[in-house]
Amino acid sequence: MVTAGLLLSLEAKESSDRLASMLSARDAVFPGSPEGSWLPVAVEAADDGGLRELHDWIAGLPGVAYVDVVHVSFDDALMFPPTLPT
């Protein structure tokens, strides 16, 4: 699993409530509290491709001026099967 912290730059402060509603409607997308013209968002995906898909979807939403990726975490235990002792 891949978890990422995003910081959305908003085109207008008024769009944050509407945008947060759109984000919350999608599984594995968790908007935070807006601060000025920024909205923090956490996302989870099964892999890098899923994360890129979410990033592109969020970047295309109305009211989003830019998406900054501020943190990415890979859960190695889920991405790589454990090796068994021989």
Protein backbone atom coordinates (compact mmCIF):
# COMPACT_ATOMS: atom_id res chain seq x y z
CA MET A 1 0.00 0.00 0.00
CA VAL A 2 1.12 3.53 -0.76
CA THR A 3 0.03 6.46 1.39
CA ALA A 4 0.63 10.04 0.30
CA GLY A 5 0.15 13.47 1.82
CA LEU A 6 -0.90 16.10 -0.70
CA LEU A 7 -1.28 19.86 -0.40
CA LEU A 8 -3.80 21.32 -2.83
CA SER A 9 -3.46 24.94 -3.89
CA LEU A 10 -6.98 26.23 -4.45
CA GLU A 11 -8.11 28.70 -7.06
CA ALA A 12 -10.45 30.34 -4.55
CA LYS A 13 -11.03 29.91 -0.81
CA GLU A 14 -14.75 29.44 -1.45
CA SER A 15 -14.09 26.22 -3.37
CA SER A 16 -12.65 24.35 -0.35
CA ASP A 17 -16.00 23.14 1.08
CA ARG A 18 -17.29 21.93 -2.29
CA LEU A 19 -13.96 20.36 -3.10
CA ALA A 20 -13.73 18.58 0.27
CA SER A 21 -17.17 17.05 -0.40
CA MET A 22 -16.05 15.73 -3.79
CA LEU A 23 -12.86 14.30 -2.30
CA SER A 24 -14.67 12.65 0.62
CA ALA A 25 -17.02 10.87 -1.78
CA ARG A 26 -14.12 8.82 -3.16
CA ASP A 27 -12.74 5.84 -1.24
CA ALA A 28 -9.19 6.21 0.12
CA VAL A 29 -9.19 10.03 -0.15
CA PHE A 30 -9.24 11.95 3.13
CA PRO A 31 -9.35 15.77 3.02
CA GLY A 32 -8.17 17.74 6.02
CA SER A 33 -9.17 21.20 7.22
CA PRO A 34 -8.58 24.04 4.75
CA GLU A 35 -6.09 26.75 5.68
CA GLY A 36 -6.39 29.85 3.55
CA SER A 37 -6.08 28.79 -0.07
CA TRP A 38 -4.64 25.36 0.75
CA LEU A 39 -6.30 22.04 1.48
CA PRO A 40 -4.30 19.09 2.87
CA VAL A 41 -5.34 15.66 1.64
CA ALA A 42 -4.22 12.13 2.51
CA VAL A 43 -4.66 9.37 -0.08
CA GLU A 44 -4.11 5.62 -0.06
CA ALA A 45 -3.58 3.36 -3.07
CA ALA A 46 -2.58 -0.23 -3.69
CA ASP A 47 0.45 0.76 -5.77
CA ASP A 48 2.24 3.58 -7.58
CA GLY A 49 -0.13 3.39 -10.55
CA GLY A 50 -3.17 3.81 -8.31
CA LEU A 51 -1.54 6.75 -6.58
CA ARG A 52 -0.82 8.42 -9.93
CA GLU A 53 -4.43 7.88 -10.96
CA LEU A 54 -5.70 9.57 -7.78
CA HIS A 55 -3.22 12.44 -8.22
CA ASP A 56 -4.40 13.05 -11.80
CA TRP A 57 -8.07 12.86 -10.77
CA ILE A 58 -7.56 15.37 -7.93
CA ALA A 59 -5.51 17.72 -10.16
CA GLY A 60 -8.38 17.80 -12.66
CA LEU A 61 -11.09 18.74 -10.16
CA PRO A 62 -12.63 22.21 -10.44
CA GLY A 63 -11.07 24.63 -7.98
CA VAL A 64 -7.68 22.86 -7.81
CA ALA A 65 -4.87 25.07 -9.08
CA TYR A 66 -1.97 22.73 -8.21
CA VAL A 67 -1.20 19.53 -6.29
CA ASP A 68 2.00 19.28 -4.25
CA VAL A 69 3.10 15.85 -3.03
CA VAL A 70 4.57 16.45 0.42
CA HIS A 71 4.96 12.89 1.69
CA VAL A 72 4.89 9.33 0.35
CA SER A 73 5.05 6.19 2.47
CA PHE A 74 5.30 2.62 1.17
CA ASP A 75 4.07 -0.21 3.38
CA ASP A 76 6.74 -2.75 2.49
CA ALA A 77 5.02 -5.51 4.42
CA LEU A 78 2.06 -5.37 2.06
CA MET A 79 4.00 -4.72 -1.15
CA PHE A 80 6.57 -7.48 -0.79
CA PRO A 81 5.77 -11.02 0.35
CA PRO A 82 7.77 -12.17 3.35
CA THR A 83 10.66 -14.51 2.65
CA LEU A 84 10.44 -17.86 4.32
CA PRO A 85 13.50 -19.27 6.09
CA THR A 86 15.10 -22.20 4.31
